[in-house]
Amino acid sequence: MLDLQDMRIDYMKGALDESSVPSSPYPLFEQWFQEAIDSQIKEPNAMLLATAGENGQPNVRAVLLKLFDKRGFVFFTNYNSIKAEEIAQNPKVAVEFLWLELERQVRILGRCEKITLKESLSYFMKRSRDSQIGAWVSDQSSVITSRKAFQMQIEKMKEKFAKGHVPLPDFWGGYRVISEQIEFWQGRPSRLHDRILYTKEAEGWKIERLAP
């Protein structure tokens, strides 16, 4: 059995002080996100999305952030997927970005809502043709008999849309995570990390420092 007790790294790359952060979390998130891009982190827009349906069982998976602004954080998926079913039952979700190379995390609590058809179509038209066809073929989370059978479905769909553009499936689109809390976590030595929490209020955001 592996002995993991001595696996540890002292984080030394940065610090975070509540006296110098912006009044809104979004400029800080944009700064950190750009720094993750500049650091050439693989898939810096990968985020863990946690949902829990009506049975209360938490479920987590990685999705890709595709849009963000003051309204929230947008990802795209099949509206018949397990995550979509759970969001329909309980729109409260949790999100985490983990950028280990920068010794940083961003944790978000909020609720999910579907974006507009216009917004989904705008993004869908920017996807590669193969990805557009993939959205039609993949009945996400359903059981399939084999990779070969799935590949045959892809080829059939390519034939179907051989001419003209690939339309937006009515079962595919985006969700926006509307933030209620956003925590910025910066690793520090001896596990004494910096944690700054933004909590949405009626007007503006409350900023607090949390114990490591």
N, C-alpha and C. Protein backbone atom coordinates (compact mmCIF):
# COMPACT_ATOMS: atom_id res chain seq x y z
N MET A 1 0.84 -1.20 0.00
CA MET A 1 0.00 0.00 0.00
C MET A 1 0.88 1.25 0.00
N LEU A 2 0.48 2.22 -0.78
CA LEU A 2 1.26 3.46 -0.86
C LEU A 2 1.17 4.24 0.46
N ASP A 3 2.30 4.81 0.85
CA ASP A 3 2.34 5.66 2.04
C ASP A 3 2.31 7.11 1.57
N LEU A 4 1.21 7.80 1.83
CA LEU A 4 1.03 9.17 1.34
C LEU A 4 1.28 10.23 2.41
N GLN A 5 1.62 9.80 3.61
CA GLN A 5 1.65 10.75 4.72
C GLN A 5 2.74 11.81 4.58
N ASP A 6 3.80 11.48 3.87
CA ASP A 6 4.90 12.44 3.75
C ASP A 6 4.85 13.22 2.43
N MET A 7 3.79 13.07 1.67
CA MET A 7 3.66 13.82 0.43
C MET A 7 3.16 15.22 0.76
N ARG A 8 4.01 16.21 0.57
CA ARG A 8 3.61 17.59 0.83
C ARG A 8 4.53 18.54 0.09
N ILE A 9 3.98 19.69 -0.29
CA ILE A 9 4.74 20.74 -0.95
C ILE A 9 4.46 22.05 -0.23
N ASP A 10 5.48 22.81 0.04
CA ASP A 10 5.28 24.12 0.65
C ASP A 10 5.01 25.13 -0.47
N TYR A 11 3.90 25.85 -0.37
CA TYR A 11 3.53 26.81 -1.41
C TYR A 11 4.19 28.16 -1.13
N MET A 12 4.89 28.68 -2.16
CA MET A 12 5.71 29.87 -1.95
C MET A 12 5.49 30.96 -3.01
N LYS A 13 4.56 30.76 -3.93
CA LYS A 13 4.54 31.60 -5.12
C LYS A 13 3.79 32.92 -5.00
N GLY A 14 2.97 33.08 -3.98
CA GLY A 14 2.21 34.32 -3.94
C GLY A 14 1.56 34.58 -2.61
N ALA A 15 0.83 35.69 -2.55
CA ALA A 15 0.10 36.08 -1.34
C ALA A 15 -1.16 36.81 -1.79
N LEU A 16 -2.11 36.91 -0.87
CA LEU A 16 -3.39 37.56 -1.18
C LEU A 16 -3.85 38.30 0.06
N ASP A 17 -4.11 39.60 -0.08
CA ASP A 17 -4.48 40.43 1.07
C ASP A 17 -5.81 41.10 0.81
N GLU A 18 -6.71 41.02 1.76
CA GLU A 18 -8.05 41.59 1.57
C GLU A 18 -8.03 43.11 1.41
N SER A 19 -6.97 43.76 1.88
CA SER A 19 -6.90 45.22 1.78
C SER A 19 -6.58 45.70 0.37
N SER A 20 -6.13 44.79 -0.50
CA SER A 20 -5.73 45.21 -1.84
C SER A 20 -6.54 44.57 -2.97
N VAL A 21 -7.57 43.80 -2.61
CA VAL A 21 -8.38 43.17 -3.67
C VAL A 21 -9.47 44.14 -4.13
N PRO A 22 -9.98 43.99 -5.36
CA PRO A 22 -11.05 44.87 -5.84
C PRO A 22 -12.36 44.64 -5.11
N SER A 23 -13.27 45.59 -5.21
CA SER A 23 -14.55 45.50 -4.50
C SER A 23 -15.47 44.43 -5.08
N SER A 24 -15.23 44.05 -6.32
CA SER A 24 -15.99 42.98 -6.98
C SER A 24 -15.03 41.82 -7.29
N PRO A 25 -15.50 40.58 -7.25
CA PRO A 25 -14.60 39.46 -7.51
C PRO A 25 -14.22 39.28 -8.98
N TYR A 26 -14.99 39.86 -9.88
CA TYR A 26 -14.78 39.55 -11.30
C TYR A 26 -13.47 40.10 -11.87
N PRO A 27 -13.04 41.31 -11.53
CA PRO A 27 -11.71 41.74 -12.00
C PRO A 27 -10.58 40.85 -11.50
N LEU A 28 -10.68 40.39 -10.27
CA LEU A 28 -9.65 39.51 -9.73
C LEU A 28 -9.67 38.16 -10.43
N PHE A 29 -10.88 37.64 -10.69
CA PHE A 29 -10.97 36.37 -11.42
C PHE A 29 -10.37 36.53 -12.82
N GLU A 30 -10.69 37.61 -13.50
CA GLU A 30 -10.14 37.83 -14.84
C GLU A 30 -8.62 37.92 -14.81
N GLN A 31 -8.07 38.60 -13.80
CA GLN A 31 -6.62 38.70 -13.65
C GLN A 31 -6.00 37.32 -13.44
N TRP A 32 -6.57 36.54 -12.53
CA TRP A 32 -6.03 35.20 -12.26
C TRP A 32 -6.18 34.29 -13.47
N PHE A 33 -7.30 34.40 -14.16
CA PHE A 33 -7.52 33.57 -15.34
C PHE A 33 -6.50 33.90 -16.43
N GLN A 34 -6.25 35.19 -16.64
CA GLN A 34 -5.25 35.60 -17.63
C GLN A 34 -3.87 35.11 -17.24
N GLU A 35 -3.55 35.16 -15.96
CA GLU A 35 -2.25 34.68 -15.50
C GLU A 35 -2.13 33.17 -15.68
N ALA A 36 -3.24 32.45 -15.54
CA ALA A 36 -3.24 31.01 -15.80
C ALA A 36 -2.98 30.74 -17.28
N ILE A 37 -3.58 31.54 -18.15
CA ILE A 37 -3.33 31.42 -19.60
C ILE A 37 -1.88 31.72 -19.90
N ASP A 38 -1.37 32.83 -19.36
CA ASP A 38 0.01 33.25 -19.63
C ASP A 38 1.02 32.23 -19.12
N SER A 39 0.65 31.48 -18.08
CA SER A 39 1.53 30.45 -17.52
C SER A 39 1.49 29.16 -18.33
N GLN A 40 0.68 29.16 -19.39
CA GLN A 40 0.55 28.01 -20.30
C GLN A 40 0.08 26.75 -19.57
N ILE A 41 -0.81 26.96 -18.61
CA ILE A 41 -1.44 25.83 -17.94
C ILE A 41 -2.35 25.13 -18.94
N LYS A 42 -2.31 23.81 -18.97
CA LYS A 42 -3.17 23.06 -19.88
C LYS A 42 -4.62 23.19 -19.44
N GLU A 43 -5.49 23.56 -20.39
CA GLU A 43 -6.92 23.72 -20.14
C GLU A 43 -7.18 24.61 -18.91
N PRO A 44 -6.73 25.86 -18.93
CA PRO A 44 -6.95 26.72 -17.76
C PRO A 44 -8.43 26.98 -17.50
N ASN A 45 -9.28 26.77 -18.51
CA ASN A 45 -10.71 26.97 -18.34
C ASN A 45 -11.45 25.73 -17.86
N ALA A 46 -10.71 24.66 -17.54
CA ALA A 46 -11.34 23.47 -16.96
C ALA A 46 -11.80 23.77 -15.54
N MET A 47 -13.04 23.41 -15.25
CA MET A 47 -13.56 23.66 -13.90
C MET A 47 -14.35 22.44 -13.45
N LEU A 48 -14.26 22.14 -12.17
CA LEU A 48 -15.03 21.06 -11.58
C LEU A 48 -16.41 21.60 -11.22
N LEU A 49 -17.44 20.91 -11.69
CA LEU A 49 -18.82 21.31 -11.45
C LEU A 49 -19.49 20.26 -10.58
N ALA A 50 -19.95 20.65 -9.41
CA ALA A 50 -20.62 19.72 -8.50
C ALA A 50 -22.11 20.02 -8.47
N THR A 51 -22.91 18.96 -8.63
CA THR A 51 -24.36 19.07 -8.57
C THR A 51 -24.88 18.04 -7.58
N ALA A 52 -26.13 18.21 -7.16
CA ALA A 52 -26.80 17.22 -6.32
C ALA A 52 -28.28 17.27 -6.64
N GLY A 53 -28.80 16.15 -7.14
CA GLY A 53 -30.21 16.08 -7.50
C GLY A 53 -31.10 15.92 -6.28
N GLU A 54 -32.34 15.51 -6.54
CA GLU A 54 -33.32 15.43 -5.46
C GLU A 54 -32.99 14.34 -4.44
N ASN A 55 -32.13 13.36 -4.81
CA ASN A 55 -31.75 12.33 -3.83
C ASN A 55 -30.62 12.77 -2.91
N GLY A 56 -30.05 13.97 -3.17
CA GLY A 56 -29.02 14.51 -2.30
C GLY A 56 -27.62 13.99 -2.55
N GLN A 57 -27.46 13.06 -3.49
CA GLN A 57 -26.14 12.49 -3.78
C GLN A 57 -25.29 13.48 -4.58
N PRO A 58 -24.19 13.98 -4.03
CA PRO A 58 -23.34 14.89 -4.81
C PRO A 58 -22.71 14.18 -6.01
N ASN A 59 -22.52 14.92 -7.07
CA ASN A 59 -21.94 14.41 -8.30
C ASN A 59 -21.00 15.49 -8.84
N VAL A 60 -19.82 15.10 -9.28
CA VAL A 60 -18.85 16.10 -9.75
C VAL A 60 -18.20 15.62 -11.02
N ARG A 61 -17.92 16.58 -11.93
CA ARG A 61 -17.23 16.29 -13.18
C ARG A 61 -16.55 17.57 -13.67
N ALA A 62 -15.62 17.41 -14.58
CA ALA A 62 -14.94 18.58 -15.17
C ALA A 62 -15.69 19.02 -16.41
N VAL A 63 -15.93 20.33 -16.52
CA VAL A 63 -16.49 20.94 -17.73
C VAL A 63 -15.58 22.11 -18.09
N LEU A 64 -15.84 22.71 -19.25
CA LEU A 64 -15.00 23.82 -19.71
C LEU A 64 -15.76 25.13 -19.65
N LEU A 65 -15.17 26.11 -19.00
CA LEU A 65 -15.71 27.46 -19.01
C LEU A 65 -15.55 28.05 -20.41
N LYS A 66 -16.64 28.60 -20.95
CA LYS A 66 -16.58 29.16 -22.30
C LYS A 66 -16.89 30.65 -22.35
N LEU A 67 -17.58 31.16 -21.34
CA LEU A 67 -17.88 32.59 -21.27
C LEU A 67 -17.93 32.99 -19.79
N PHE A 68 -17.50 34.21 -19.48
CA PHE A 68 -17.73 34.72 -18.14
C PHE A 68 -17.76 36.24 -18.18
N ASP A 69 -18.61 36.80 -17.34
CA ASP A 69 -18.72 38.24 -17.15
C ASP A 69 -19.41 38.46 -15.81
N LYS A 70 -19.91 39.66 -15.57
CA LYS A 70 -20.52 39.95 -14.28
C LYS A 70 -21.81 39.16 -14.05
N ARG A 71 -22.37 38.61 -15.11
CA ARG A 71 -23.59 37.81 -14.96
C ARG A 71 -23.29 36.41 -14.45
N GLY A 72 -22.07 35.90 -14.69
CA GLY A 72 -21.74 34.56 -14.22
C GLY A 72 -20.81 33.82 -15.15
N PHE A 73 -20.75 32.49 -14.96
CA PHE A 73 -19.79 31.62 -15.62
C PHE A 73 -20.56 30.59 -16.46
N VAL A 74 -20.26 30.51 -17.75
CA VAL A 74 -21.07 29.73 -18.68
C VAL A 74 -20.33 28.49 -19.17
N PHE A 75 -21.02 27.35 -19.15
CA PHE A 75 -20.53 26.12 -19.77
C PHE A 75 -21.65 25.55 -20.62
N PHE A 76 -21.30 24.59 -21.50
CA PHE A 76 -22.27 24.02 -22.43
C PHE A 76 -22.34 22.51 -22.26
N THR A 77 -23.54 21.96 -22.51
CA THR A 77 -23.73 20.53 -22.31
C THR A 77 -25.01 20.07 -23.01
N ASN A 78 -25.23 18.77 -22.98
CA ASN A 78 -26.48 18.18 -23.45
C ASN A 78 -27.54 18.38 -22.36
N TYR A 79 -28.70 18.92 -22.74
CA TYR A 79 -29.74 19.18 -21.77
C TYR A 79 -30.44 17.91 -21.27
N ASN A 80 -30.08 16.75 -21.84
CA ASN A 80 -30.60 15.48 -21.36
C ASN A 80 -29.59 14.72 -20.51
N SER A 81 -28.46 15.32 -20.24
CA SER A 81 -27.40 14.66 -19.48
C SER A 81 -27.76 14.55 -18.01
N ILE A 82 -26.98 13.74 -17.28
CA ILE A 82 -27.22 13.60 -15.84
C ILE A 82 -27.06 14.93 -15.13
N LYS A 83 -26.04 15.70 -15.50
CA LYS A 83 -25.84 16.99 -14.83
C LYS A 83 -27.04 17.90 -15.05
N ALA A 84 -27.61 17.87 -16.27
CA ALA A 84 -28.78 18.70 -16.57
C ALA A 84 -30.00 18.25 -15.77
N GLU A 85 -30.17 16.95 -15.64
CA GLU A 85 -31.28 16.43 -14.83
C GLU A 85 -31.15 16.87 -13.38
N GLU A 86 -29.93 16.81 -12.86
CA GLU A 86 -29.72 17.20 -11.47
C GLU A 86 -29.91 18.70 -11.29
N ILE A 87 -29.48 19.50 -12.26
CA ILE A 87 -29.68 20.95 -12.19
C ILE A 87 -31.17 21.28 -12.21
N ALA A 88 -31.94 20.54 -13.01
CA ALA A 88 -33.38 20.76 -13.06
C ALA A 88 -34.03 20.45 -11.72
N GLN A 89 -33.51 19.46 -11.02
CA GLN A 89 -34.04 19.08 -9.71
C GLN A 89 -33.57 20.02 -8.61
N ASN A 90 -32.34 20.52 -8.76
CA ASN A 90 -31.74 21.37 -7.74
C ASN A 90 -30.73 22.29 -8.42
N PRO A 91 -31.07 23.55 -8.66
CA PRO A 91 -30.17 24.44 -9.41
C PRO A 91 -28.95 24.92 -8.65
N LYS A 92 -28.85 24.59 -7.35
CA LYS A 92 -27.68 25.02 -6.58
C LYS A 92 -26.47 24.16 -6.95
N VAL A 93 -25.36 24.81 -7.29
CA VAL A 93 -24.16 24.10 -7.72
C VAL A 93 -22.92 24.69 -7.05
N ALA A 94 -21.82 23.95 -7.16
CA ALA A 94 -20.52 24.43 -6.73
C ALA A 94 -19.53 24.24 -7.88
N VAL A 95 -18.60 25.16 -7.99
CA VAL A 95 -17.60 25.14 -9.07
C VAL A 95 -16.23 25.37 -8.45
N GLU A 96 -15.23 24.70 -9.01
CA GLU A 96 -13.86 24.95 -8.57
C GLU A 96 -12.91 24.98 -9.76
N PHE A 97 -12.08 26.01 -9.79
CA PHE A 97 -10.93 26.07 -10.70
C PHE A 97 -9.69 25.75 -9.85
N LEU A 98 -8.86 24.84 -10.33
CA LEU A 98 -7.64 24.46 -9.61
C LEU A 98 -6.45 24.68 -10.53
N TRP A 99 -5.63 25.67 -10.21
CA TRP A 99 -4.43 25.98 -10.99
C TRP A 99 -3.22 25.69 -10.10
N LEU A 100 -2.83 24.44 -10.02
CA LEU A 100 -1.77 24.02 -9.11
C LEU A 100 -0.44 24.68 -9.45
N GLU A 101 -0.21 24.91 -10.74
CA GLU A 101 1.06 25.52 -11.14
C GLU A 101 1.24 26.91 -10.51
N LEU A 102 0.12 27.58 -10.25
CA LEU A 102 0.16 28.90 -9.61
C LEU A 102 -0.18 28.83 -8.13
N GLU A 103 -0.42 27.61 -7.64
CA GLU A 103 -0.77 27.38 -6.24
C GLU A 103 -2.04 28.16 -5.88
N ARG A 104 -3.05 28.04 -6.77
CA ARG A 104 -4.29 28.81 -6.60
C ARG A 104 -5.52 27.94 -6.83
N GLN A 105 -6.58 28.31 -6.15
CA GLN A 105 -7.90 27.76 -6.39
C GLN A 105 -8.92 28.91 -6.39
N VAL A 106 -10.00 28.73 -7.15
CA VAL A 106 -11.15 29.61 -7.05
C VAL A 106 -12.38 28.73 -6.86
N ARG A 107 -13.11 28.96 -5.78
CA ARG A 107 -14.30 28.18 -5.46
C ARG A 107 -15.53 29.07 -5.57
N ILE A 108 -16.57 28.56 -6.23
CA ILE A 108 -17.78 29.34 -6.48
C ILE A 108 -19.00 28.55 -6.02
N LEU A 109 -19.85 29.21 -5.27
CA LEU A 109 -21.17 28.67 -4.94
C LEU A 109 -22.22 29.54 -5.60
N GLY A 110 -23.23 28.91 -6.19
CA GLY A 110 -24.27 29.69 -6.85
C GLY A 110 -25.38 28.81 -7.36
N ARG A 111 -26.08 29.31 -8.32
CA ARG A 111 -27.18 28.56 -8.91
C ARG A 111 -27.06 28.60 -10.44
N CYS A 112 -27.58 27.57 -11.09
CA CYS A 112 -27.49 27.44 -12.54
C CYS A 112 -28.81 27.82 -13.20
N GLU A 113 -28.71 28.48 -14.33
CA GLU A 113 -29.89 28.69 -15.17
C GLU A 113 -29.46 28.62 -16.64
N LYS A 114 -30.37 28.18 -17.49
CA LYS A 114 -30.07 28.10 -18.92
C LYS A 114 -29.86 29.49 -19.50
N ILE A 115 -28.90 29.60 -20.41
CA ILE A 115 -28.72 30.85 -21.13
C ILE A 115 -29.74 30.92 -22.27
N THR A 116 -29.78 32.03 -22.97
CA THR A 116 -30.76 32.19 -24.03
C THR A 116 -30.38 31.34 -25.25
N LEU A 117 -31.38 31.03 -26.06
CA LEU A 117 -31.15 30.30 -27.30
C LEU A 117 -30.17 31.04 -28.20
N LYS A 118 -30.29 32.36 -28.23
CA LYS A 118 -29.39 33.18 -29.05
C LYS A 118 -27.94 33.02 -28.61
N GLU A 119 -27.71 33.01 -27.30
CA GLU A 119 -26.35 32.85 -26.78
C GLU A 119 -25.80 31.46 -27.10
N SER A 120 -26.64 30.43 -26.96
CA SER A 120 -26.20 29.07 -27.27
C SER A 120 -25.87 28.93 -28.75
N LEU A 121 -26.71 29.50 -29.60
CA LEU A 121 -26.48 29.42 -31.04
C LEU A 121 -25.20 30.14 -31.43
N SER A 122 -24.95 31.30 -30.82
CA SER A 122 -23.75 32.07 -31.13
C SER A 122 -22.50 31.25 -30.84
N TYR A 123 -22.48 30.55 -29.69
CA TYR A 123 -21.31 29.73 -29.37
C TYR A 123 -21.25 28.49 -30.26
N PHE A 124 -22.40 27.84 -30.50
CA PHE A 124 -22.42 26.62 -31.30
C PHE A 124 -21.84 26.85 -32.69
N MET A 125 -22.12 28.01 -33.27
CA MET A 125 -21.63 28.30 -34.62
C MET A 125 -20.12 28.52 -34.65
N LYS A 126 -19.51 28.75 -33.49
CA LYS A 126 -18.06 28.92 -33.42
C LYS A 126 -17.32 27.60 -33.21
N ARG A 127 -18.06 26.54 -32.88
CA ARG A 127 -17.44 25.23 -32.70
C ARG A 127 -17.02 24.65 -34.04
N SER A 128 -16.05 23.74 -34.02
CA SER A 128 -15.66 23.06 -35.24
C SER A 128 -16.83 22.21 -35.73
N ARG A 129 -16.84 21.90 -37.02
CA ARG A 129 -17.92 21.10 -37.60
C ARG A 129 -18.00 19.73 -36.92
N ASP A 130 -16.86 19.12 -36.65
CA ASP A 130 -16.86 17.81 -35.99
C ASP A 130 -17.47 17.91 -34.59
N SER A 131 -17.18 18.99 -33.87
CA SER A 131 -17.76 19.17 -32.54
C SER A 131 -19.26 19.43 -32.62
N GLN A 132 -19.69 20.14 -33.66
CA GLN A 132 -21.12 20.35 -33.86
C GLN A 132 -21.83 19.02 -34.10
N ILE A 133 -21.25 18.19 -34.95
CA ILE A 133 -21.83 16.87 -35.22
C ILE A 133 -21.80 16.02 -33.95
N GLY A 134 -20.73 16.13 -33.18
CA GLY A 134 -20.62 15.38 -31.94
C GLY A 134 -21.75 15.71 -30.98
N ALA A 135 -22.19 16.97 -30.95
CA ALA A 135 -23.29 17.36 -30.08
C ALA A 135 -24.57 16.63 -30.48
N TRP A 136 -24.76 16.40 -31.77
CA TRP A 136 -25.93 15.67 -32.26
C TRP A 136 -25.86 14.18 -31.92
N VAL A 137 -24.68 13.62 -31.99
CA VAL A 137 -24.52 12.16 -31.86
C VAL A 137 -24.55 11.71 -30.42
N SER A 138 -23.93 12.45 -29.52
CA SER A 138 -23.73 11.98 -28.15
C SER A 138 -24.97 12.19 -27.31
N ASP A 139 -25.64 11.10 -26.97
CA ASP A 139 -26.72 11.12 -25.99
C ASP A 139 -26.05 11.01 -24.62
N GLN A 140 -25.54 12.12 -24.15
CA GLN A 140 -24.57 12.15 -23.06
C GLN A 140 -25.04 11.38 -21.83
N SER A 141 -24.15 10.56 -21.30
CA SER A 141 -24.34 9.75 -20.09
C SER A 141 -25.15 8.49 -20.32
N SER A 142 -25.71 8.29 -21.53
CA SER A 142 -26.45 7.06 -21.79
C SER A 142 -25.47 5.92 -22.08
N VAL A 143 -25.93 4.69 -21.91
CA VAL A 143 -25.10 3.51 -22.16
C VAL A 143 -25.03 3.25 -23.67
N ILE A 144 -23.83 2.98 -24.19
CA ILE A 144 -23.65 2.63 -25.60
C ILE A 144 -23.03 1.23 -25.68
N THR A 145 -23.32 0.53 -26.78
CA THR A 145 -22.88 -0.87 -26.90
C THR A 145 -21.39 -1.00 -27.14
N SER A 146 -20.82 -0.08 -27.95
CA SER A 146 -19.39 -0.17 -28.25
C SER A 146 -18.93 1.12 -28.91
N ARG A 147 -17.62 1.32 -28.93
CA ARG A 147 -17.05 2.48 -29.61
C ARG A 147 -17.31 2.38 -31.12
N LYS A 148 -17.26 1.16 -31.65
CA LYS A 148 -17.49 0.96 -33.08
C LYS A 148 -18.90 1.38 -33.48
N ALA A 149 -19.89 0.98 -32.68
CA ALA A 149 -21.28 1.36 -32.96
C ALA A 149 -21.45 2.87 -32.88
N PHE A 150 -20.79 3.48 -31.90
CA PHE A 150 -20.86 4.94 -31.75
C PHE A 150 -20.24 5.62 -32.96
N GLN A 151 -19.11 5.10 -33.45
CA GLN A 151 -18.44 5.68 -34.61
C GLN A 151 -19.35 5.60 -35.84
N MET A 152 -20.11 4.52 -35.95
CA MET A 152 -21.04 4.37 -37.08
C MET A 152 -22.12 5.45 -37.02
N GLN A 153 -22.56 5.78 -35.81
CA GLN A 153 -23.54 6.86 -35.67
C GLN A 153 -22.96 8.19 -36.11
N ILE A 154 -21.69 8.41 -35.78
CA ILE A 154 -21.03 9.65 -36.19
C ILE A 154 -21.00 9.76 -37.72
N GLU A 155 -20.63 8.66 -38.37
CA GLU A 155 -20.56 8.67 -39.84
C GLU A 155 -21.92 8.93 -40.45
N LYS A 156 -22.98 8.35 -39.89
CA LYS A 156 -24.34 8.59 -40.38
C LYS A 156 -24.73 10.06 -40.24
N MET A 157 -24.34 10.64 -39.12
CA MET A 157 -24.68 12.05 -38.90
C MET A 157 -23.88 12.95 -39.83
N LYS A 158 -22.64 12.58 -40.14
CA LYS A 158 -21.85 13.35 -41.10
C LYS A 158 -22.51 13.33 -42.47
N GLU A 159 -23.05 12.18 -42.84
CA GLU A 159 -23.76 12.07 -44.12
C GLU A 159 -25.02 12.93 -44.12
N LYS A 160 -25.74 12.92 -43.00
CA LYS A 160 -26.98 13.69 -42.90
C LYS A 160 -26.72 15.18 -43.09
N PHE A 161 -25.61 15.67 -42.52
CA PHE A 161 -25.31 17.10 -42.59
C PHE A 161 -24.17 17.38 -43.57
N ALA A 162 -24.06 16.55 -44.60
CA ALA A 162 -22.98 16.70 -45.58
C ALA A 162 -23.07 18.03 -46.32
N LYS A 163 -24.27 18.51 -46.52
CA LYS A 163 -24.46 19.77 -47.24
C LYS A 163 -25.03 20.82 -46.29
N GLY A 164 -24.49 22.00 -46.37
CA GLY A 164 -24.98 23.09 -45.55
C GLY A 164 -24.42 23.08 -44.15
N HIS A 165 -24.94 23.96 -43.32
CA HIS A 165 -24.43 24.09 -41.95
C HIS A 165 -25.09 23.06 -41.04
N VAL A 166 -24.47 22.82 -39.91
CA VAL A 166 -25.02 21.91 -38.91
C VAL A 166 -25.89 22.74 -37.97
N PRO A 167 -27.18 22.41 -37.84
CA PRO A 167 -28.06 23.21 -36.97
C PRO A 167 -27.82 22.93 -35.50
N LEU A 168 -28.25 23.86 -34.68
CA LEU A 168 -28.14 23.70 -33.23
C LEU A 168 -29.17 22.68 -32.75
N PRO A 169 -28.75 21.62 -32.06
CA PRO A 169 -29.73 20.67 -31.50
C PRO A 169 -30.60 21.35 -30.45
N ASP A 170 -31.87 20.98 -30.40
CA ASP A 170 -32.75 21.59 -29.40
C ASP A 170 -32.50 21.05 -28.00
N PHE A 171 -31.65 20.02 -27.89
CA PHE A 171 -31.33 19.42 -26.60
C PHE A 171 -29.93 19.79 -26.12
N TRP A 172 -29.36 20.82 -26.69
CA TRP A 172 -27.97 21.18 -26.37
C TRP A 172 -27.89 22.69 -26.19
N GLY A 173 -27.11 23.12 -25.18
CA GLY A 173 -26.96 24.56 -24.97
C GLY A 173 -26.17 24.86 -23.70
N GLY A 174 -26.26 26.09 -23.27
CA GLY A 174 -25.43 26.55 -22.17
C GLY A 174 -26.18 26.77 -20.87
N TYR A 175 -25.42 26.71 -19.79
CA TYR A 175 -25.89 27.09 -18.45
C TYR A 175 -24.99 28.21 -17.94
N ARG A 176 -25.58 29.10 -17.18
CA ARG A 176 -24.81 30.14 -16.50
C ARG A 176 -24.85 29.89 -15.00
N VAL A 177 -23.67 29.85 -14.38
CA VAL A 177 -23.58 29.76 -12.92
C VAL A 177 -23.60 31.18 -12.38
N ILE A 178 -24.67 31.53 -11.70
CA ILE A 178 -24.82 32.86 -11.12
C ILE A 178 -24.26 32.81 -9.70
N SER A 179 -23.21 33.58 -9.47
CA SER A 179 -22.42 33.45 -8.24
C SER A 179 -23.11 34.07 -7.04
N GLU A 180 -23.07 33.34 -5.92
CA GLU A 180 -23.50 33.88 -4.64
C GLU A 180 -22.30 34.05 -3.70
N GLN A 181 -21.30 33.17 -3.86
CA GLN A 181 -20.04 33.30 -3.13
C GLN A 181 -18.90 32.92 -4.07
N ILE A 182 -17.79 33.65 -3.97
CA ILE A 182 -16.58 33.32 -4.72
C ILE A 182 -15.40 33.43 -3.76
N GLU A 183 -14.66 32.33 -3.62
CA GLU A 183 -13.49 32.32 -2.74
C GLU A 183 -12.22 32.20 -3.56
N PHE A 184 -11.26 33.07 -3.28
CA PHE A 184 -9.94 33.02 -3.90
C PHE A 184 -8.97 32.44 -2.89
N TRP A 185 -8.26 31.40 -3.29
CA TRP A 185 -7.35 30.65 -2.40
C TRP A 185 -5.95 30.71 -2.98
N GLN A 186 -5.03 31.27 -2.21
CA GLN A 186 -3.63 31.35 -2.62
C GLN A 186 -2.79 30.54 -1.64
N GLY A 187 -2.07 29.55 -2.15
CA GLY A 187 -1.24 28.72 -1.29
C GLY A 187 -0.14 29.53 -0.61
N ARG A 188 0.13 29.20 0.66
CA ARG A 188 1.19 29.84 1.43
C ARG A 188 1.98 28.78 2.18
N PRO A 189 3.16 29.13 2.70
CA PRO A 189 3.98 28.15 3.42
C PRO A 189 3.27 27.57 4.65
N SER A 190 3.65 26.34 4.99
CA SER A 190 3.17 25.67 6.20
C SER A 190 1.65 25.51 6.25
N ARG A 191 1.03 25.45 5.09
CA ARG A 191 -0.43 25.29 4.99
C ARG A 191 -1.20 26.47 5.58
N LEU A 192 -0.56 27.61 5.75
CA LEU A 192 -1.23 28.81 6.28
C LEU A 192 -1.66 29.68 5.10
N HIS A 193 -2.60 29.16 4.33
CA HIS A 193 -2.97 29.75 3.05
C HIS A 193 -3.78 31.04 3.22
N ASP A 194 -3.78 31.86 2.17
CA ASP A 194 -4.62 33.05 2.10
C ASP A 194 -5.95 32.67 1.45
N ARG A 195 -7.05 33.00 2.12
CA ARG A 195 -8.39 32.72 1.58
C ARG A 195 -9.24 33.98 1.71
N ILE A 196 -9.65 34.52 0.57
CA ILE A 196 -10.49 35.71 0.54
C ILE A 196 -11.85 35.33 -0.03
N LEU A 197 -12.91 35.60 0.74
CA LEU A 197 -14.26 35.21 0.35
C LEU A 197 -15.09 36.44 0.00
N TYR A 198 -15.69 36.41 -1.19
CA TYR A 198 -16.68 37.41 -1.60
C TYR A 198 -18.07 36.80 -1.45
N THR A 199 -18.97 37.50 -0.79
CA THR A 199 -20.35 37.05 -0.65
C THR A 199 -21.28 38.13 -1.21
N LYS A 200 -22.18 37.72 -2.12
CA LYS A 200 -23.08 38.69 -2.77
C LYS A 200 -24.10 39.21 -1.77
N GLU A 201 -24.25 40.52 -1.76
CA GLU A 201 -25.25 41.17 -0.93
C GLU A 201 -26.21 41.94 -1.82
N ALA A 202 -27.22 42.56 -1.20
CA ALA A 202 -28.22 43.30 -1.98
C ALA A 202 -27.56 44.33 -2.89
N GLU A 203 -26.54 44.98 -2.36
CA GLU A 203 -25.77 45.94 -3.16
C GLU A 203 -24.29 45.64 -2.95
N GLY A 204 -23.64 45.17 -3.99
CA GLY A 204 -22.21 44.92 -3.90
C GLY A 204 -21.88 43.58 -3.29
N TRP A 205 -20.61 43.48 -2.82
CA TRP A 205 -20.08 42.25 -2.28
C TRP A 205 -19.45 42.48 -0.92
N LYS A 206 -19.65 41.56 0.00
CA LYS A 206 -18.95 41.57 1.28
C LYS A 206 -17.65 40.78 1.13
N ILE A 207 -16.55 41.32 1.65
CA ILE A 207 -15.23 40.70 1.52
C ILE A 207 -14.74 40.31 2.91
N GLU A 208 -14.36 39.03 3.06
CA GLU A 208 -13.87 38.52 4.33
C GLU A 208 -12.66 37.64 4.12
N ARG A 209 -11.78 37.63 5.14
CA ARG A 209 -10.66 36.67 5.14
C ARG A 209 -11.07 35.45 5.95
N LEU A 210 -10.79 34.26 5.41
CA LEU A 210 -11.09 33.01 6.11
C LEU A 210 -9.82 32.39 6.67
N ALA A 211 -9.96 31.66 7.76
CA ALA A 211 -8.83 30.92 8.32
C ALA A 211 -8.39 29.86 7.32
N PRO A 212 -7.09 29.53 7.27
CA PRO A 212 -6.60 28.53 6.32
C PRO A 212 -7.30 27.18 6.51
